[in-house]
Amino acid sequence: PGHKIGRLWKFQKEEIDEWVKSGGADDKKAGQ
């Protein structure tokens, strides 16, 4: 889903959008 650069992942904005829409950015689900 992203390009690995060192220890970090660089994602395209569209991929981030899809991740957010699917609940990937939901802090409650992430437990943070």
Protein backbone atom coordinates (compact mmCIF):
# COMPACT_ATOMS: atom_id res chain seq x y z
CA PRO A 1 0.00 0.00 0.00
CA GLY A 2 2.98 2.31 0.26
CA HIS A 3 6.61 2.71 -0.64
CA LYS A 4 9.03 1.78 2.11
CA ILE A 5 11.65 4.43 2.77
CA GLY A 6 13.96 3.48 5.61
CA ARG A 7 11.71 2.62 8.53
CA LEU A 8 8.95 4.92 7.34
CA TRP A 9 6.14 4.30 4.90
CA LYS A 10 5.29 6.95 2.37
CA PHE A 11 1.75 6.68 1.14
CA GLN A 12 -0.03 8.36 -1.68
CA LYS A 13 -2.82 10.71 -0.68
CA GLU A 14 -5.40 8.50 -2.37
CA GLU A 15 -4.25 5.48 -0.40
CA ILE A 16 -4.41 7.45 2.84
CA ASP A 17 -7.92 8.58 1.93
CA GLU A 18 -9.03 4.98 1.42
CA TRP A 19 -7.38 3.95 4.69
CA VAL A 20 -9.10 6.76 6.57
CA LYS A 21 -12.47 5.94 5.00
CA SER A 22 -12.09 2.28 5.95
CA GLY A 23 -11.52 3.30 9.58
CA GLY A 24 -7.73 2.99 9.63
CA ALA A 25 -7.36 6.38 11.26
CA ASP A 26 -9.95 5.74 13.95
CA ASP A 27 -8.10 6.25 17.23
CA LYS A 28 -10.80 4.36 19.14
CA LYS A 29 -10.27 1.27 16.98
CA ALA A 30 -6.49 1.68 17.03
CA GLY A 31 -6.50 1.72 20.83
CA GLN A 32 -4.31 4.79 21.06
